[in-house]
Every structure is written in C-alpha cells, then in structure tokens.
C-alpha cells in the first residue's frame, strides 16, 4: 500500500521543487545560469524524497510528507502573492469592460 501512496506523494514534492525553480528564475536574463541554486534545490528534493520514503513508512503515517508539501505550497503562495494581485486586477478589469459592453453597447 505504501509504495502506491509514494507514487502519488513524490511527484507532488518534485512538482513543488520545479515550481520553486521557475519562480526563482522567472526574471533572470537568458544567459544567467543558477548552478548553485539548482544543486541546492536538487539535494533538498532528493533528501525530502528519501526521508518521505523511509521515515513516513516507519512512522506509519504521512506527517513528514504533509509538512514538507505544505511548506513548499506556502512558499509558492508567498512568492506569487504579487502575481495573484496583478492577475486579479486584470481579470476584474476585463470582467468590468465585458459587463459594460454587454449592458451599454448596442448589439
């Protein structure tokens, strides 16, 4: 049973790591290479994967996975707060223009 559960949990951890790298490098110039950050993120992902595979099974639960995954999601939410605000502003603006067009412009 645990091996099947790991097939669900590990890609979630790996996906978090990929999203963290994307957020880290979003504003970089094309010629910038972040070798140190890639190495640190890779090591952290491997350690987390091994820890979840070995320690959560010994503990009989998902506590470590939940802590690791939730901390990754929290980091992503904090980093994308500005992006969320801008997205909501543009979405709200588009909705407002669409509603004005539907209600006041002749068809």
N, C-alpha and C. Protein backbone atom coordinates (compact mmCIF):
# COMPACT_ATOMS: atom_id res chain seq x y z
N UNK A 1 0.83 -1.19 0.00
CA UNK A 1 0.00 0.00 0.00
C UNK A 1 0.87 1.26 0.00
N UNK A 2 1.92 1.26 0.79
CA UNK A 2 2.75 2.45 0.91
C UNK A 2 3.44 2.80 -0.41
N UNK A 3 3.84 1.81 -1.18
CA UNK A 3 4.52 2.10 -2.44
C UNK A 3 3.57 2.82 -3.40
N UNK A 4 2.31 2.46 -3.39
CA UNK A 4 1.34 3.15 -4.24
C UNK A 4 1.11 4.58 -3.75
N UNK A 5 1.11 4.75 -2.44
CA UNK A 5 0.94 6.10 -1.88
C UNK A 5 2.13 6.98 -2.26
N UNK A 6 3.32 6.41 -2.26
CA UNK A 6 4.51 7.17 -2.65
C UNK A 6 4.46 7.59 -4.12
N UNK A 7 3.81 6.79 -4.96
CA UNK A 7 3.67 7.16 -6.37
C UNK A 7 2.81 8.42 -6.51
N UNK A 8 2.00 8.70 -5.53
CA UNK A 8 1.19 9.91 -5.52
C UNK A 8 1.94 11.07 -4.87
N UNK A 9 2.62 10.79 -3.77
CA UNK A 9 3.23 11.85 -2.97
C UNK A 9 4.52 12.40 -3.58
N UNK A 10 5.38 11.54 -4.06
CA UNK A 10 6.68 12.00 -4.56
C UNK A 10 6.57 12.95 -5.74
N UNK A 11 5.72 12.70 -6.74
CA UNK A 11 5.58 13.69 -7.81
C UNK A 11 5.07 15.04 -7.32
N UNK A 12 4.30 15.03 -6.24
CA UNK A 12 3.84 16.31 -5.68
C UNK A 12 5.02 17.09 -5.11
N UNK A 13 5.92 16.41 -4.41
CA UNK A 13 7.12 17.07 -3.90
C UNK A 13 8.01 17.55 -5.04
N UNK A 14 8.17 16.72 -6.06
CA UNK A 14 9.01 17.10 -7.21
C UNK A 14 8.39 18.29 -7.95
N UNK A 15 7.08 18.30 -8.08
CA UNK A 15 6.39 19.42 -8.73
C UNK A 15 6.61 20.72 -7.97
N UNK A 16 6.57 20.65 -6.63
CA UNK A 16 6.86 21.83 -5.82
C UNK A 16 8.26 22.36 -6.12
N UNK A 17 9.22 21.46 -6.22
CA UNK A 17 10.60 21.87 -6.49
C UNK A 17 10.71 22.54 -7.86
N UNK A 18 10.02 22.01 -8.84
CA UNK A 18 10.04 22.62 -10.18
C UNK A 18 9.42 24.01 -10.14
N UNK A 19 8.30 24.15 -9.46
CA UNK A 19 7.66 25.46 -9.36
C UNK A 19 8.55 26.47 -8.62
N UNK A 20 9.26 26.00 -7.58
CA UNK A 20 10.17 26.89 -6.87
C UNK A 20 11.28 27.38 -7.79
N UNK A 21 11.84 26.48 -8.59
CA UNK A 21 12.90 26.87 -9.52
C UNK A 21 12.36 27.87 -10.55
N UNK A 22 11.17 27.63 -11.06
CA UNK A 22 10.58 28.55 -12.04
C UNK A 22 10.40 29.93 -11.42
N UNK A 23 9.87 29.99 -10.20
CA UNK A 23 9.69 31.30 -9.56
C UNK A 23 11.03 31.97 -9.29
N UNK A 24 12.03 31.18 -8.97
CA UNK A 24 13.36 31.73 -8.69
C UNK A 24 13.99 32.34 -9.93
N UNK A 25 13.73 31.75 -11.09
CA UNK A 25 14.42 32.17 -12.31
C UNK A 25 13.55 32.95 -13.28
N UNK A 26 12.36 33.31 -12.90
CA UNK A 26 11.42 33.98 -13.81
C UNK A 26 11.98 35.27 -14.38
N UNK A 27 12.63 36.05 -13.58
CA UNK A 27 13.09 37.37 -14.03
C UNK A 27 14.57 37.39 -14.42
N UNK A 28 15.18 36.22 -14.55
CA UNK A 28 16.59 36.15 -14.93
C UNK A 28 16.77 36.46 -16.41
N UNK A 29 17.95 36.94 -16.74
CA UNK A 29 18.29 37.11 -18.15
C UNK A 29 18.58 35.73 -18.75
N UNK A 30 18.43 35.56 -20.06
CA UNK A 30 18.62 34.24 -20.67
C UNK A 30 20.01 33.65 -20.48
N UNK A 31 21.03 34.47 -20.28
CA UNK A 31 22.38 33.93 -20.15
C UNK A 31 22.77 33.62 -18.70
N UNK A 32 21.90 33.87 -17.76
CA UNK A 32 22.23 33.60 -16.35
C UNK A 32 21.98 32.13 -16.04
N UNK A 33 22.97 31.51 -15.42
CA UNK A 33 22.87 30.11 -15.02
C UNK A 33 22.97 30.06 -13.49
N UNK A 34 22.03 29.40 -12.88
CA UNK A 34 21.99 29.31 -11.42
C UNK A 34 22.42 27.91 -10.98
N UNK A 35 23.67 27.60 -11.13
CA UNK A 35 24.18 26.27 -10.81
C UNK A 35 24.06 25.95 -9.33
N UNK A 36 24.40 26.89 -8.48
CA UNK A 36 24.34 26.65 -7.03
C UNK A 36 22.90 26.41 -6.59
N UNK A 37 21.97 27.24 -7.07
CA UNK A 37 20.57 27.08 -6.69
C UNK A 37 20.01 25.76 -7.19
N UNK A 38 20.40 25.37 -8.41
CA UNK A 38 19.94 24.09 -8.96
C UNK A 38 20.46 22.94 -8.09
N UNK A 39 21.72 23.01 -7.71
CA UNK A 39 22.31 21.95 -6.89
C UNK A 39 21.63 21.87 -5.52
N UNK A 40 21.41 23.01 -4.89
CA UNK A 40 20.77 23.02 -3.56
C UNK A 40 19.35 22.50 -3.65
N UNK A 41 18.60 22.94 -4.63
CA UNK A 41 17.22 22.50 -4.79
C UNK A 41 17.15 21.01 -5.11
N UNK A 42 18.10 20.53 -5.91
CA UNK A 42 18.13 19.10 -6.23
C UNK A 42 18.44 18.27 -4.99
N UNK A 43 19.42 18.70 -4.23
CA UNK A 43 19.78 17.98 -3.00
C UNK A 43 18.62 17.98 -2.02
N UNK A 44 17.96 19.13 -1.85
CA UNK A 44 16.82 19.20 -0.94
C UNK A 44 15.69 18.27 -1.40
N UNK A 45 15.46 18.20 -2.70
CA UNK A 45 14.40 17.35 -3.23
C UNK A 45 14.72 15.88 -3.02
N UNK A 46 15.97 15.50 -3.26
CA UNK A 46 16.38 14.10 -3.06
C UNK A 46 16.28 13.73 -1.59
N UNK A 47 16.76 14.59 -0.71
CA UNK A 47 16.70 14.32 0.74
C UNK A 47 15.24 14.20 1.19
N UNK A 48 14.39 15.10 0.73
CA UNK A 48 12.97 15.05 1.10
C UNK A 48 12.32 13.77 0.58
N UNK A 49 12.66 13.38 -0.64
CA UNK A 49 12.08 12.15 -1.21
C UNK A 49 12.49 10.91 -0.42
N UNK A 50 13.77 10.83 -0.09
CA UNK A 50 14.26 9.69 0.69
C UNK A 50 13.65 9.70 2.09
N UNK A 51 13.57 10.88 2.69
CA UNK A 51 13.00 10.98 4.04
C UNK A 51 11.54 10.55 4.04
N UNK A 52 10.77 11.00 3.06
CA UNK A 52 9.36 10.61 2.99
C UNK A 52 9.25 9.10 2.76
N UNK A 53 10.08 8.57 1.91
CA UNK A 53 10.02 7.14 1.62
C UNK A 53 10.39 6.27 2.81
N UNK A 54 11.37 6.69 3.59
CA UNK A 54 11.85 5.87 4.70
C UNK A 54 11.20 6.22 6.04
N UNK A 55 11.13 7.49 6.36
CA UNK A 55 10.68 7.88 7.69
C UNK A 55 9.16 7.85 7.84
N UNK A 56 8.44 8.23 6.80
CA UNK A 56 6.99 8.18 6.92
C UNK A 56 6.49 6.75 7.02
N UNK A 57 7.17 5.84 6.34
CA UNK A 57 6.77 4.42 6.42
C UNK A 57 7.02 3.87 7.82
N UNK A 58 8.15 4.26 8.42
CA UNK A 58 8.46 3.79 9.77
C UNK A 58 7.49 4.37 10.79
N UNK A 59 7.04 5.62 10.56
CA UNK A 59 6.11 6.25 11.49
C UNK A 59 4.68 5.80 11.25
N UNK A 60 4.42 5.20 10.10
CA UNK A 60 3.09 4.69 9.82
C UNK A 60 2.09 5.76 9.39
N UNK A 61 2.57 6.91 8.96
CA UNK A 61 1.65 7.96 8.56
C UNK A 61 2.23 8.81 7.45
N UNK A 62 1.63 9.97 7.29
CA UNK A 62 2.06 10.89 6.24
C UNK A 62 2.51 12.22 6.81
N UNK A 63 2.86 12.27 8.07
CA UNK A 63 3.15 13.54 8.72
C UNK A 63 4.30 14.30 8.06
N UNK A 64 5.38 13.62 7.80
CA UNK A 64 6.54 14.29 7.19
C UNK A 64 6.21 14.79 5.80
N UNK A 65 5.53 13.98 5.00
CA UNK A 65 5.12 14.41 3.67
C UNK A 65 4.25 15.66 3.76
N UNK A 66 3.29 15.64 4.65
CA UNK A 66 2.37 16.77 4.77
C UNK A 66 3.11 18.05 5.17
N UNK A 67 4.06 17.94 6.07
CA UNK A 67 4.84 19.11 6.48
C UNK A 67 5.69 19.63 5.32
N UNK A 68 6.37 18.73 4.62
CA UNK A 68 7.23 19.14 3.50
C UNK A 68 6.40 19.74 2.36
N UNK A 69 5.31 19.10 2.02
CA UNK A 69 4.49 19.59 0.91
C UNK A 69 3.83 20.92 1.28
N UNK A 70 3.29 21.01 2.49
CA UNK A 70 2.63 22.25 2.91
C UNK A 70 3.63 23.41 2.97
N UNK A 71 4.84 23.17 3.41
CA UNK A 71 5.82 24.25 3.45
C UNK A 71 6.18 24.71 2.04
N UNK A 72 6.26 23.78 1.10
CA UNK A 72 6.51 24.16 -0.28
C UNK A 72 5.38 24.97 -0.87
N UNK A 73 4.16 24.56 -0.61
CA UNK A 73 2.99 25.29 -1.10
C UNK A 73 2.93 26.68 -0.47
N UNK A 74 3.23 26.77 0.81
CA UNK A 74 3.24 28.07 1.49
C UNK A 74 4.28 29.00 0.86
N UNK A 75 5.46 28.48 0.58
CA UNK A 75 6.50 29.28 -0.07
C UNK A 75 6.01 29.78 -1.44
N UNK A 76 5.40 28.89 -2.19
CA UNK A 76 4.90 29.27 -3.52
C UNK A 76 3.81 30.33 -3.41
N UNK A 77 2.94 30.21 -2.42
CA UNK A 77 1.87 31.20 -2.25
C UNK A 77 2.43 32.57 -1.89
N UNK A 78 3.41 32.60 -1.02
CA UNK A 78 4.01 33.88 -0.62
C UNK A 78 4.73 34.52 -1.80
N UNK A 79 5.47 33.72 -2.56
CA UNK A 79 6.22 34.25 -3.70
C UNK A 79 5.32 34.76 -4.82
N UNK A 80 4.14 34.17 -4.97
CA UNK A 80 3.26 34.55 -6.08
C UNK A 80 2.17 35.53 -5.65
N UNK A 81 2.27 36.08 -4.46
CA UNK A 81 1.23 37.00 -3.98
C UNK A 81 1.08 38.19 -4.92
N UNK A 82 2.18 38.77 -5.36
CA UNK A 82 2.11 39.90 -6.28
C UNK A 82 1.50 39.46 -7.61
N UNK A 83 1.88 38.29 -8.09
CA UNK A 83 1.32 37.77 -9.33
C UNK A 83 -0.19 37.56 -9.20
N UNK A 84 -0.62 37.08 -8.04
CA UNK A 84 -2.05 36.88 -7.81
C UNK A 84 -2.80 38.20 -7.84
N UNK A 85 -2.23 39.22 -7.20
CA UNK A 85 -2.88 40.53 -7.17
C UNK A 85 -3.00 41.11 -8.58
N UNK A 86 -1.95 41.03 -9.34
CA UNK A 86 -1.97 41.55 -10.71
C UNK A 86 -2.96 40.76 -11.56
N UNK A 87 -2.97 39.44 -11.40
CA UNK A 87 -3.91 38.61 -12.16
C UNK A 87 -5.35 38.96 -11.83
N UNK A 88 -5.64 39.13 -10.56
CA UNK A 88 -7.00 39.51 -10.16
C UNK A 88 -7.37 40.89 -10.69
N UNK A 89 -6.43 41.81 -10.70
CA UNK A 89 -6.68 43.15 -11.22
C UNK A 89 -7.04 43.09 -12.70
N UNK A 90 -6.26 42.36 -13.47
CA UNK A 90 -6.54 42.23 -14.90
C UNK A 90 -7.85 41.47 -15.16
N UNK A 91 -8.09 40.43 -14.41
CA UNK A 91 -9.32 39.66 -14.57
C UNK A 91 -10.53 40.54 -14.23
N UNK A 92 -10.43 41.25 -13.10
CA UNK A 92 -11.53 42.14 -12.71
C UNK A 92 -11.75 43.26 -13.72
N UNK A 93 -10.66 43.80 -14.26
CA UNK A 93 -10.78 44.84 -15.28
C UNK A 93 -11.42 44.31 -16.54
N UNK A 94 -11.03 43.13 -16.97
CA UNK A 94 -11.64 42.52 -18.16
C UNK A 94 -13.12 42.22 -17.94
N UNK A 95 -13.45 41.73 -16.76
CA UNK A 95 -14.85 41.47 -16.45
C UNK A 95 -15.67 42.76 -16.46
N UNK A 96 -15.12 43.82 -15.90
CA UNK A 96 -15.82 45.11 -15.88
C UNK A 96 -16.06 45.62 -17.28
N UNK A 97 -15.05 45.58 -18.11
CA UNK A 97 -15.20 46.03 -19.51
C UNK A 97 -16.23 45.18 -20.24
N UNK A 98 -16.20 43.86 -20.02
CA UNK A 98 -17.16 42.97 -20.66
C UNK A 98 -18.58 43.29 -20.21
N UNK A 99 -18.78 43.53 -18.90
CA UNK A 99 -20.12 43.86 -18.40
C UNK A 99 -20.59 45.20 -18.94
N UNK A 100 -19.73 46.18 -19.02
CA UNK A 100 -20.11 47.49 -19.60
C UNK A 100 -20.51 47.30 -21.06
N UNK A 101 -19.73 46.52 -21.79
CA UNK A 101 -20.04 46.28 -23.19
C UNK A 101 -21.39 45.57 -23.33
N UNK A 102 -21.66 44.58 -22.52
CA UNK A 102 -22.91 43.82 -22.63
C UNK A 102 -24.13 44.66 -22.26
N UNK A 103 -23.97 45.58 -21.30
CA UNK A 103 -25.12 46.32 -20.80
C UNK A 103 -25.36 47.66 -21.49
N UNK A 104 -24.33 48.29 -22.01
CA UNK A 104 -24.50 49.64 -22.53
C UNK A 104 -24.22 49.79 -24.03
N UNK A 105 -23.61 48.83 -24.65
CA UNK A 105 -23.31 48.95 -26.08
C UNK A 105 -24.37 48.22 -26.89
N UNK A 106 -24.88 48.84 -27.96
CA UNK A 106 -25.89 48.18 -28.77
C UNK A 106 -25.29 46.97 -29.50
N UNK A 107 -26.10 45.96 -29.67
CA UNK A 107 -25.62 44.73 -30.30
C UNK A 107 -25.94 44.71 -31.75
